[in-house]
Amino acid sequence: MNMHDGKKDITKLIDNVVGEYNSKEAVLKYSMHSAGYGITYLLQNDYAGIYLKVIKSKDFPLKPSGLKLLEFGCGAGMNLIALIDILNNQGITIEKAYGTDFSPVLIESAKSEAKAVLRPDELKRISFFVARNEDLLNDISAASRERVADLTETFDLVLGVNTFRYCHRLGKQRECANDILRLLRKGGVCVMIDMNHGFPLFKSKLRRTVKDPLECYLPSLEEYASPFAQAGFQILEKDNFCWIPHSAGPLLTRLCRMLSPILNLTVRKFAMRSLVIAKKPL
């Protein structure tokens, strides 16, 4: 592939992703009221359990002013909104929470979801901005009208769910990891969750629905972790987990929950999700 062909492939990929995530189908897929039982269960249980383990760690002291959160690639805000509710129920104070996504349609949906779900005192602490993962810090600065210097080293926890693979497809994974490092305070943590390339059905499904190899590329667990290590993070954990599909209904969710302990013991590397927990050194 020559450079000209590579640029055309990237442009095509961006155009296709923009079209997909600005569609009405995307709003339904990534909104709390229509996303499905499986993803709702995971946000409130498996994913929330990971976040709480990080936040309650003895090496993650909470400031009296409260927690500063950022979710990049937040879509319509399901994960961040659910986490705010969970943290409030746990008695954990939130100073501010930012959600970013490159799709203006999904960001507007996130704002509407937050207004419909959160209490007024919760709502005033959450903000959603249009920002690209590959230029995260500058885009947040432009959208929020905060100086880059005022955003640098201010966040305690940065989350990314089902979004970091797009950085790899664009060849911008290092840029994203570097910006996350700059945004986090010393000792702050990034939790990245995304599709595991080892889960057999993901590749076959993507190949059936997407003709462009670049659009169906899934990084390995090592590839997910590598940009964070190269940026200077300490990798606290990298693993494969989760056997519940986001689209699962109640019956399939219960079945997957029952089978999960056995699957984790026998074929964990083939689980649906890859997890990387990375800490900014003190």
C-alpha atoms as a PDB file:
ATOM      1  CA  MET A   1       0.000   0.000   0.000  1.00  0.00           C
ATOM      2  CA  ASN A   2       1.474   3.370  -0.964  1.00  0.00           C
ATOM      3  CA  MET A   3       1.004   6.561   1.057  1.00  0.00           C
ATOM      4  CA  HIS A   4      -1.722   7.885  -1.237  1.00  0.00           C
ATOM      5  CA  ASP A   5      -3.728   4.672  -0.950  1.00  0.00           C
ATOM      6  CA  GLY A   6      -3.251   4.704   2.833  1.00  0.00           C
ATOM      7  CA  LYS A   7      -4.634   8.234   3.119  1.00  0.00           C
ATOM      8  CA  LYS A   8      -7.627   7.262   0.963  1.00  0.00           C
ATOM      9  CA  ASP A   9      -8.316   4.252   3.217  1.00  0.00           C
ATOM     10  CA  ILE A  10      -8.180   6.409   6.351  1.00  0.00           C
ATOM     11  CA  THR A  11     -10.458   9.031   4.782  1.00  0.00           C
ATOM     12  CA  LYS A  12     -12.936   6.341   3.792  1.00  0.00           C
ATOM     13  CA  LEU A  13     -12.814   4.856   7.288  1.00  0.00           C
ATOM     14  CA  ILE A  14     -13.476   8.249   8.895  1.00  0.00           C
ATOM     15  CA  ASP A  15     -16.376   8.945   6.524  1.00  0.00           C
ATOM     16  CA  ASN A  16     -17.942   5.550   7.241  1.00  0.00           C
ATOM     17  CA  VAL A  17     -17.569   5.890  11.017  1.00  0.00           C
ATOM     18  CA  VAL A  18     -18.946   9.441  10.973  1.00  0.00           C
ATOM     19  CA  GLY A  19     -21.957   8.263   9.006  1.00  0.00           C
ATOM     20  CA  GLU A  20     -22.545   5.327  11.341  1.00  0.00           C
ATOM     21  CA  TYR A  21     -22.293   7.238  14.613  1.00  0.00           C
ATOM     22  CA  ASN A  22     -24.302  10.244  13.481  1.00  0.00           C
ATOM     23  CA  SER A  23     -27.248   8.049  12.469  1.00  0.00           C
ATOM     24  CA  LYS A  24     -30.567   7.511  14.231  1.00  0.00           C
ATOM     25  CA  GLU A  25     -29.602   3.857  14.697  1.00  0.00           C
ATOM     26  CA  ALA A  26     -26.543   4.934  16.695  1.00  0.00           C
ATOM     27  CA  VAL A  27     -28.664   7.055  19.020  1.00  0.00           C
ATOM     28  CA  LEU A  28     -30.931   4.069  19.709  1.00  0.00           C
ATOM     29  CA  LYS A  29     -28.011   1.673  20.126  1.00  0.00           C
ATOM     30  CA  TYR A  30     -26.117   3.888  22.569  1.00  0.00           C
ATOM     31  CA  SER A  31     -28.987   5.435  24.569  1.00  0.00           C
ATOM     32  CA  MET A  32     -30.000   4.134  27.980  1.00  0.00           C
ATOM     33  CA  HIS A  33     -33.698   3.659  27.223  1.00  0.00           C
ATOM     34  CA  SER A  34     -33.139   1.615  24.055  1.00  0.00           C
ATOM     35  CA  ALA A  35     -29.674   0.011  24.231  1.00  0.00           C
ATOM     36  CA  GLY A  36     -30.789  -3.319  25.659  1.00  0.00           C
ATOM     37  CA  TYR A  37     -30.665  -5.405  28.826  1.00  0.00           C
ATOM     38  CA  GLY A  38     -27.127  -6.767  28.450  1.00  0.00           C
ATOM     39  CA  ILE A  39     -25.296  -3.466  28.308  1.00  0.00           C
ATOM     40  CA  THR A  40     -27.402  -2.054  31.143  1.00  0.00           C
ATOM     41  CA  TYR A  41     -26.497  -5.049  33.303  1.00  0.00           C
ATOM     42  CA  LEU A  42     -22.791  -4.714  32.501  1.00  0.00           C
ATOM     43  CA  LEU A  43     -22.693  -0.979  33.206  1.00  0.00           C
ATOM     44  CA  GLN A  44     -24.258  -1.518  36.613  1.00  0.00           C
ATOM     45  CA  ASN A  45     -22.301  -4.641  37.554  1.00  0.00           C
ATOM     46  CA  ASP A  46     -19.179  -5.840  35.705  1.00  0.00           C
ATOM     47  CA  TYR A  47     -17.965  -2.457  34.438  1.00  0.00           C
ATOM     48  CA  ALA A  48     -18.996  -0.601  37.584  1.00  0.00           C
ATOM     49  CA  GLY A  49     -17.185  -3.223  39.667  1.00  0.00           C
ATOM     50  CA  ILE A  50     -13.933  -2.443  37.840  1.00  0.00           C
ATOM     51  CA  TYR A  51     -14.351   1.314  38.315  1.00  0.00           C
ATOM     52  CA  LEU A  52     -15.162   0.958  42.019  1.00  0.00           C
ATOM     53  CA  LYS A  53     -12.182  -1.345  42.572  1.00  0.00           C
ATOM     54  CA  VAL A  54      -9.917   1.385  41.183  1.00  0.00           C
ATOM     55  CA  ILE A  55     -11.567   4.233  43.079  1.00  0.00           C
ATOM     56  CA  LYS A  56     -11.599   2.368  46.405  1.00  0.00           C
ATOM     57  CA  SER A  57      -7.988   1.234  46.095  1.00  0.00           C
ATOM     58  CA  LYS A  58      -5.710   2.401  48.918  1.00  0.00           C
ATOM     59  CA  ASP A  59      -3.386   3.833  46.253  1.00  0.00           C
ATOM     60  CA  PHE A  60      -6.165   6.039  44.869  1.00  0.00           C
ATOM     61  CA  PRO A  61      -6.823   8.620  47.608  1.00  0.00           C
ATOM     62  CA  LEU A  62      -9.948  10.697  47.027  1.00  0.00           C
ATOM     63  CA  LYS A  63      -9.616  14.439  47.499  1.00  0.00           C
ATOM     64  CA  PRO A  64     -12.094  16.236  49.791  1.00  0.00           C
ATOM     65  CA  SER A  65     -13.386  18.191  46.792  1.00  0.00           C
ATOM     66  CA  GLY A  66     -14.409  14.964  45.091  1.00  0.00           C
ATOM     67  CA  LEU A  67     -13.665  12.895  42.025  1.00  0.00           C
ATOM     68  CA  LYS A  68     -12.930  14.345  38.583  1.00  0.00           C
ATOM     69  CA  LEU A  69     -14.005  11.973  35.809  1.00  0.00           C
ATOM     70  CA  LEU A  70     -13.548  11.916  32.044  1.00  0.00           C
ATOM     71  CA  GLU A  71     -14.984   9.399  29.604  1.00  0.00           C
ATOM     72  CA  PHE A  72     -13.642   9.635  26.059  1.00  0.00           C
ATOM     73  CA  GLY A  73     -15.729   8.185  23.249  1.00  0.00           C
ATOM     74  CA  CYS A  74     -18.746   8.287  25.561  1.00  0.00           C
ATOM     75  CA  GLY A  75     -21.389   7.916  22.837  1.00  0.00           C
ATOM     76  CA  ALA A  76     -24.790   8.875  24.208  1.00  0.00           C
ATOM     77  CA  GLY A  77     -23.472   8.938  27.774  1.00  0.00           C
ATOM     78  CA  MET A  78     -24.820   5.629  29.126  1.00  0.00           C
ATOM     79  CA  ASN A  79     -21.666   4.579  30.951  1.00  0.00           C
ATOM     80  CA  LEU A  80     -20.886   7.953  32.515  1.00  0.00           C
ATOM     81  CA  ILE A  81     -24.476   8.641  33.576  1.00  0.00           C
ATOM     82  CA  ALA A  82     -24.824   5.182  35.128  1.00  0.00           C
ATOM     83  CA  LEU A  83     -21.512   5.585  36.963  1.00  0.00           C
ATOM     84  CA  ILE A  84     -22.509   8.947  38.438  1.00  0.00           C
ATOM     85  CA  ASP A  85     -25.641   7.362  39.895  1.00  0.00           C
ATOM     86  CA  ILE A  86     -23.628   4.431  41.284  1.00  0.00           C
ATOM     87  CA  LEU A  87     -20.992   6.681  42.850  1.00  0.00           C
ATOM     88  CA  ASN A  88     -23.628   8.850  44.505  1.00  0.00           C
ATOM     89  CA  ASN A  89     -25.247   5.739  45.965  1.00  0.00           C
ATOM     90  CA  GLN A  90     -21.804   4.750  47.283  1.00  0.00           C
ATOM     91  CA  GLY A  91     -21.405   8.148  48.943  1.00  0.00           C
ATOM     92  CA  ILE A  92     -18.513   9.141  46.641  1.00  0.00           C
ATOM     93  CA  THR A  93     -18.495  12.853  45.853  1.00  0.00           C
ATOM     94  CA  ILE A  94     -18.118  13.948  42.227  1.00  0.00           C
ATOM     95  CA  GLU A  95     -16.557  17.338  41.589  1.00  0.00           C
ATOM     96  CA  LYS A  96     -17.024  17.190  37.829  1.00  0.00           C
ATOM     97  CA  ALA A  97     -17.523  14.676  35.045  1.00  0.00           C
ATOM     98  CA  TYR A  98     -16.798  15.216  31.359  1.00  0.00           C
ATOM     99  CA  GLY A  99     -17.990  13.039  28.503  1.00  0.00           C
ATOM    100  CA  THR A 100     -16.554  13.443  25.003  1.00  0.00           C
ATOM    101  CA  ASP A 101     -17.365  11.964  21.620  1.00  0.00           C
ATOM    102  CA  PHE A 102     -16.616  12.931  18.003  1.00  0.00           C
ATOM    103  CA  SER A 103     -20.325  12.611  17.082  1.00  0.00           C
ATOM    104  CA  PRO A 104     -22.375  15.798  17.669  1.00  0.00           C
ATOM    105  CA  VAL A 105     -25.560  13.721  17.363  1.00  0.00           C
ATOM    106  CA  LEU A 106     -24.527  11.398  20.196  1.00  0.00           C
ATOM    107  CA  ILE A 107     -23.328  14.296  22.373  1.00  0.00           C
ATOM    108  CA  GLU A 108     -26.708  16.001  22.041  1.00  0.00           C
ATOM    109  CA  SER A 109     -28.372  12.698  22.928  1.00  0.00           C
ATOM    110  CA  ALA A 110     -26.100  12.401  25.971  1.00  0.00           C
ATOM    111  CA  LYS A 111     -27.126  15.861  27.164  1.00  0.00           C
ATOM    112  CA  SER A 112     -30.807  14.941  26.806  1.00  0.00           C
ATOM    113  CA  GLU A 113     -30.283  11.611  28.599  1.00  0.00           C
ATOM    114  CA  ALA A 114     -28.531  13.351  31.492  1.00  0.00           C
ATOM    115  CA  LYS A 115     -31.353  15.862  31.874  1.00  0.00           C
ATOM    116  CA  ALA A 116     -33.920  13.057  31.908  1.00  0.00           C
ATOM    117  CA  VAL A 117     -32.102  10.807  34.374  1.00  0.00           C
ATOM    118  CA  LEU A 118     -29.930  12.825  36.748  1.00  0.00           C
ATOM    119  CA  ARG A 119     -30.965  14.982  39.676  1.00  0.00           C
ATOM    120  CA  PRO A 120     -30.311  18.744  39.409  1.00  0.00           C
ATOM    121  CA  ASP A 121     -27.316  18.538  41.764  1.00  0.00           C
ATOM    122  CA  GLU A 122     -25.840  15.723  39.655  1.00  0.00           C
ATOM    123  CA  LEU A 123     -26.613  17.443  36.381  1.00  0.00           C
ATOM    124  CA  LYS A 124     -24.660  20.584  37.227  1.00  0.00           C
ATOM    125  CA  ARG A 125     -21.491  18.499  37.623  1.00  0.00           C
ATOM    126  CA  ILE A 126     -21.599  16.748  34.252  1.00  0.00           C
ATOM    127  CA  SER A 127     -20.701  18.208  30.847  1.00  0.00           C
ATOM    128  CA  PHE A 128     -20.573  16.700  27.375  1.00  0.00           C
ATOM    129  CA  PHE A 129     -18.320  17.978  24.592  1.00  0.00           C
ATOM    130  CA  VAL A 130     -17.621  17.109  20.979  1.00  0.00           C
ATOM    131  CA  ALA A 131     -13.987  15.966  20.925  1.00  0.00           C
ATOM    132  CA  ARG A 132     -11.990  13.428  18.936  1.00  0.00           C
ATOM    133  CA  ASN A 133     -10.022  10.708  20.722  1.00  0.00           C
ATOM    134  CA  GLU A 134      -6.992  11.371  18.505  1.00  0.00           C
ATOM    135  CA  ASP A 135      -6.750  15.050  19.588  1.00  0.00           C
ATOM    136  CA  LEU A 136      -8.464  14.787  22.931  1.00  0.00           C
ATOM    137  CA  LEU A 137      -6.816  17.512  24.984  1.00  0.00           C
ATOM    138  CA  ASN A 138      -6.956  20.254  22.349  1.00  0.00           C
ATOM    139  CA  ASP A 139     -10.528  19.399  21.366  1.00  0.00           C
ATOM    140  CA  ILE A 140     -11.739  19.446  24.986  1.00  0.00           C
ATOM    141  CA  SER A 141      -9.989  22.775  25.463  1.00  0.00           C
ATOM    142  CA  ALA A 142     -11.678  24.245  22.381  1.00  0.00           C
ATOM    143  CA  ALA A 143     -15.129  22.868  23.226  1.00  0.00           C
ATOM    144  CA  SER A 144     -15.071  23.733  26.936  1.00  0.00           C
ATOM    145  CA  ARG A 145     -13.207  27.041  26.463  1.00  0.00           C
ATOM    146  CA  GLU A 146     -10.769  25.993  29.165  1.00  0.00           C
ATOM    147  CA  ARG A 147      -7.071  26.493  28.622  1.00  0.00           C
ATOM    148  CA  VAL A 148      -4.984  23.405  27.961  1.00  0.00           C
ATOM    149  CA  ALA A 149      -2.903  24.327  31.011  1.00  0.00           C
ATOM    150  CA  ASP A 150      -6.029  24.392  33.189  1.00  0.00           C
ATOM    151  CA  LEU A 151      -7.096  20.924  32.002  1.00  0.00           C
ATOM    152  CA  THR A 152      -3.676  19.320  32.324  1.00  0.00           C
ATOM    153  CA  GLU A 153      -3.244  17.008  35.332  1.00  0.00           C
ATOM    154  CA  THR A 154      -6.746  17.644  36.681  1.00  0.00           C
ATOM    155  CA  PHE A 155      -8.619  14.349  36.205  1.00  0.00           C
ATOM    156  CA  ASP A 156      -8.518  11.469  38.669  1.00  0.00           C
ATOM    157  CA  LEU A 157     -10.079   8.793  36.471  1.00  0.00           C
ATOM    158  CA  VAL A 158     -10.343   8.501  32.682  1.00  0.00           C
ATOM    159  CA  LEU A 159     -12.566   5.863  31.083  1.00  0.00           C
ATOM    160  CA  GLY A 160     -12.875   4.557  27.544  1.00  0.00           C
ATOM    161  CA  VAL A 161     -15.358   1.819  26.629  1.00  0.00           C
ATOM    162  CA  ASN A 162     -15.512   0.349  23.117  1.00  0.00           C
ATOM    163  CA  THR A 163     -13.692   3.303  21.579  1.00  0.00           C
ATOM    164  CA  PHE A 164      -9.908   2.846  21.732  1.00  0.00           C
ATOM    165  CA  ARG A 165      -9.888   0.394  18.807  1.00  0.00           C
ATOM    166  CA  TYR A 166     -10.795   3.293  16.505  1.00  0.00           C
ATOM    167  CA  CYS A 167      -7.551   5.030  17.499  1.00  0.00           C
ATOM    168  CA  HIS A 168      -5.681   1.929  16.363  1.00  0.00           C
ATOM    169  CA  ARG A 169      -7.555   1.879  13.057  1.00  0.00           C
ATOM    170  CA  LEU A 170      -6.551   5.491  12.463  1.00  0.00           C
ATOM    171  CA  GLY A 171      -2.977   4.885  13.634  1.00  0.00           C
ATOM    172  CA  LYS A 172      -3.503   7.455  16.427  1.00  0.00           C
ATOM    173  CA  GLN A 173      -3.338   5.251  19.537  1.00  0.00           C
ATOM    174  CA  ARG A 174      -0.139   6.902  20.792  1.00  0.00           C
ATOM    175  CA  GLU A 175      -1.632  10.395  20.461  1.00  0.00           C
ATOM    176  CA  CYS A 176      -4.688   9.395  22.477  1.00  0.00           C
ATOM    177  CA  ALA A 177      -2.664   7.696  25.214  1.00  0.00           C
ATOM    178  CA  ASN A 178      -0.327  10.699  25.450  1.00  0.00           C
ATOM    179  CA  ASP A 179      -3.263  13.086  25.875  1.00  0.00           C
ATOM    180  CA  ILE A 180      -4.820  10.880  28.552  1.00  0.00           C
ATOM    181  CA  LEU A 181      -1.507  10.931  30.423  1.00  0.00           C
ATOM    182  CA  ARG A 182      -1.468  14.737  30.258  1.00  0.00           C
ATOM    183  CA  LEU A 183      -5.081  15.002  31.448  1.00  0.00           C
ATOM    184  CA  LEU A 184      -4.619  12.735  34.478  1.00  0.00           C
ATOM    185  CA  ARG A 185      -3.211  13.924  37.762  1.00  0.00           C
ATOM    186  CA  LYS A 186      -0.165  12.110  39.117  1.00  0.00           C
ATOM    187  CA  GLY A 187      -1.458   8.797  40.452  1.00  0.00           C
ATOM    188  CA  GLY A 188      -4.599   9.044  38.309  1.00  0.00           C
ATOM    189  CA  VAL A 189      -5.857   5.988  36.455  1.00  0.00           C
ATOM    190  CA  CYS A 190      -7.198   5.189  32.998  1.00  0.00           C
ATOM    191  CA  VAL A 191      -9.538   2.219  32.507  1.00  0.00           C
ATOM    192  CA  MET A 192      -9.854   1.020  28.908  1.00  0.00           C
ATOM    193  CA  ILE A 193     -12.401  -1.633  27.897  1.00  0.00           C
ATOM    194  CA  ASP A 194     -12.805  -2.742  24.292  1.00  0.00           C
ATOM    195  CA  MET A 195     -13.538  -5.689  22.003  1.00  0.00           C
ATOM    196  CA  ASN A 196     -11.205  -8.681  22.318  1.00  0.00           C
ATOM    197  CA  HIS A 197      -9.788  -9.802  18.972  1.00  0.00           C
ATOM    198  CA  GLY A 198      -9.588 -13.351  20.370  1.00  0.00           C
ATOM    199  CA  PHE A 199     -13.346 -13.726  20.826  1.00  0.00           C
ATOM    200  CA  PRO A 200     -14.209 -15.941  17.820  1.00  0.00           C
ATOM    201  CA  LEU A 201     -17.556 -14.397  16.872  1.00  0.00           C
ATOM    202  CA  PHE A 202     -16.343 -10.786  16.695  1.00  0.00           C
ATOM    203  CA  LYS A 203     -14.072 -11.282  13.705  1.00  0.00           C
ATOM    204  CA  SER A 204     -16.546 -13.375  11.750  1.00  0.00           C
ATOM    205  CA  LYS A 205     -19.358 -10.905  12.452  1.00  0.00           C
ATOM    206  CA  LEU A 206     -17.263  -7.922  11.412  1.00  0.00           C
ATOM    207  CA  ARG A 207     -16.110  -9.638   8.248  1.00  0.00           C
ATOM    208  CA  ARG A 208     -19.708 -10.414   7.298  1.00  0.00           C
ATOM    209  CA  THR A 209     -20.889  -6.840   7.779  1.00  0.00           C
ATOM    210  CA  VAL A 210     -17.804  -4.794   6.793  1.00  0.00           C
ATOM    211  CA  LYS A 211     -15.841  -5.260   3.573  1.00  0.00           C
ATOM    212  CA  ASP A 212     -12.917  -2.949   4.415  1.00  0.00           C
ATOM    213  CA  PRO A 213     -10.278  -4.853   6.487  1.00  0.00           C
ATOM    214  CA  LEU A 214      -9.310  -1.614   8.239  1.00  0.00           C
ATOM    215  CA  GLU A 215     -12.841  -1.184   9.580  1.00  0.00           C
ATOM    216  CA  CYS A 216     -12.923  -4.650  11.150  1.00  0.00           C
ATOM    217  CA  TYR A 217      -9.429  -4.540  12.673  1.00  0.00           C
ATOM    218  CA  LEU A 218      -9.343  -5.447  16.372  1.00  0.00           C
ATOM    219  CA  PRO A 219      -6.150  -5.006  18.406  1.00  0.00           C
ATOM    220  CA  SER A 220      -4.759  -7.741  20.629  1.00  0.00           C
ATOM    221  CA  LEU A 221      -4.563  -7.247  24.389  1.00  0.00           C
ATOM    222  CA  GLU A 222      -0.877  -6.415  24.060  1.00  0.00           C
ATOM    223  CA  GLU A 223      -1.648  -3.880  21.329  1.00  0.00           C
ATOM    224  CA  TYR A 224      -4.266  -2.231  23.539  1.00  0.00           C
ATOM    225  CA  ALA A 225      -1.767  -1.946  26.418  1.00  0.00           C
ATOM    226  CA  SER A 226       1.292  -0.929  24.407  1.00  0.00           C
ATOM    227  CA  PRO A 227       0.426   2.757  23.710  1.00  0.00           C
ATOM    228  CA  PHE A 228      -0.173   3.358  27.414  1.00  0.00           C
ATOM    229  CA  ALA A 229       3.140   1.763  28.370  1.00  0.00           C
ATOM    230  CA  GLN A 230       4.931   3.762  25.659  1.00  0.00           C
ATOM    231  CA  ALA A 231       3.326   6.987  26.891  1.00  0.00           C
ATOM    232  CA  GLY A 232       4.766   6.387  30.369  1.00  0.00           C
ATOM    233  CA  PHE A 233       1.887   4.722  32.200  1.00  0.00           C
ATOM    234  CA  GLN A 234       2.344   1.950  34.735  1.00  0.00           C
ATOM    235  CA  ILE A 235       0.161  -0.962  33.571  1.00  0.00           C
ATOM    236  CA  LEU A 236      -1.687  -2.175  36.666  1.00  0.00           C
ATOM    237  CA  GLU A 237      -3.766  -4.816  34.915  1.00  0.00           C
ATOM    238  CA  LYS A 238      -4.369  -6.247  31.459  1.00  0.00           C
ATOM    239  CA  ASP A 239      -6.815  -9.061  31.033  1.00  0.00           C
ATOM    240  CA  ASN A 240      -9.707 -10.483  29.062  1.00  0.00           C
ATOM    241  CA  PHE A 241     -13.106 -10.665  30.734  1.00  0.00           C
ATOM    242  CA  CYS A 242     -16.887 -10.537  30.207  1.00  0.00           C
ATOM    243  CA  TRP A 243     -19.058 -13.187  28.536  1.00  0.00           C
ATOM    244  CA  ILE A 244     -22.292 -11.186  28.341  1.00  0.00           C
ATOM    245  CA  PRO A 245     -23.100  -9.583  24.957  1.00  0.00           C
ATOM    246  CA  HIS A 246     -24.175  -5.943  25.054  1.00  0.00           C
ATOM    247  CA  SER A 247     -27.261  -6.943  23.065  1.00  0.00           C
ATOM    248  CA  ALA A 248     -28.250  -9.845  25.348  1.00  0.00           C
ATOM    249  CA  GLY A 249     -31.759 -10.097  26.745  1.00  0.00           C
ATOM    250  CA  PRO A 250     -32.558 -11.183  30.331  1.00  0.00           C
ATOM    251  CA  LEU A 251     -32.452 -14.943  29.642  1.00  0.00           C
ATOM    252  CA  LEU A 252     -29.138 -14.891  27.753  1.00  0.00           C
ATOM    253  CA  THR A 253     -27.647 -12.593  30.390  1.00  0.00           C
ATOM    254  CA  ARG A 254     -28.562 -15.040  33.163  1.00  0.00           C
ATOM    255  CA  LEU A 255     -27.164 -17.972  31.172  1.00  0.00           C
ATOM    256  CA  CYS A 256     -23.888 -16.152  30.497  1.00  0.00           C
ATOM    257  CA  ARG A 257     -23.606 -15.215  34.167  1.00  0.00           C
ATOM    258  CA  MET A 258     -23.976 -18.887  35.140  1.00  0.00           C
ATOM    259  CA  LEU A 259     -21.359 -20.013  32.630  1.00  0.00           C
ATOM    260  CA  SER A 260     -18.870 -17.190  33.287  1.00  0.00           C
ATOM    261  CA  PRO A 261     -16.939 -18.833  36.182  1.00  0.00           C
ATOM    262  CA  ILE A 262     -16.321 -21.964  34.105  1.00  0.00           C
ATOM    263  CA  LEU A 263     -15.384 -20.016  30.986  1.00  0.00           C
ATOM    264  CA  ASN A 264     -13.007 -17.799  32.967  1.00  0.00           C
ATOM    265  CA  LEU A 265     -11.205 -20.851  34.322  1.00  0.00           C
ATOM    266  CA  THR A 266     -10.918 -22.625  30.990  1.00  0.00           C
ATOM    267  CA  VAL A 267     -10.866 -20.142  28.090  1.00  0.00           C
ATOM    268  CA  ARG A 268     -10.490 -16.675  29.600  1.00  0.00           C
ATOM    269  CA  LYS A 269      -8.290 -15.381  26.760  1.00  0.00           C
ATOM    270  CA  PHE A 270     -11.289 -15.765  24.418  1.00  0.00           C
ATOM    271  CA  ALA A 271     -13.622 -13.572  26.531  1.00  0.00           C
ATOM    272  CA  MET A 272     -15.494 -10.732  24.819  1.00  0.00           C
ATOM    273  CA  ARG A 273     -13.642  -7.770  26.267  1.00  0.00           C
ATOM    274  CA  SER A 274     -10.069  -6.618  26.707  1.00  0.00           C
ATOM    275  CA  LEU A 275      -9.254  -4.618  29.822  1.00  0.00           C
ATOM    276  CA  VAL A 276      -6.271  -2.345  30.438  1.00  0.00           C
ATOM    277  CA  ILE A 277      -5.909  -0.424  33.708  1.00  0.00           C
ATOM    278  CA  ALA A 278      -3.042   2.076  33.532  1.00  0.00           C
ATOM    279  CA  LYS A 279      -1.770   4.453  36.216  1.00  0.00           C
ATOM    280  CA  LYS A 280       0.075   7.730  35.764  1.00  0.00           C
ATOM    281  CA  PRO A 281       3.234   7.443  37.908  1.00  0.00           C
ATOM    282  CA  LEU A 282       3.606   9.627  40.978  1.00  0.00           C
END
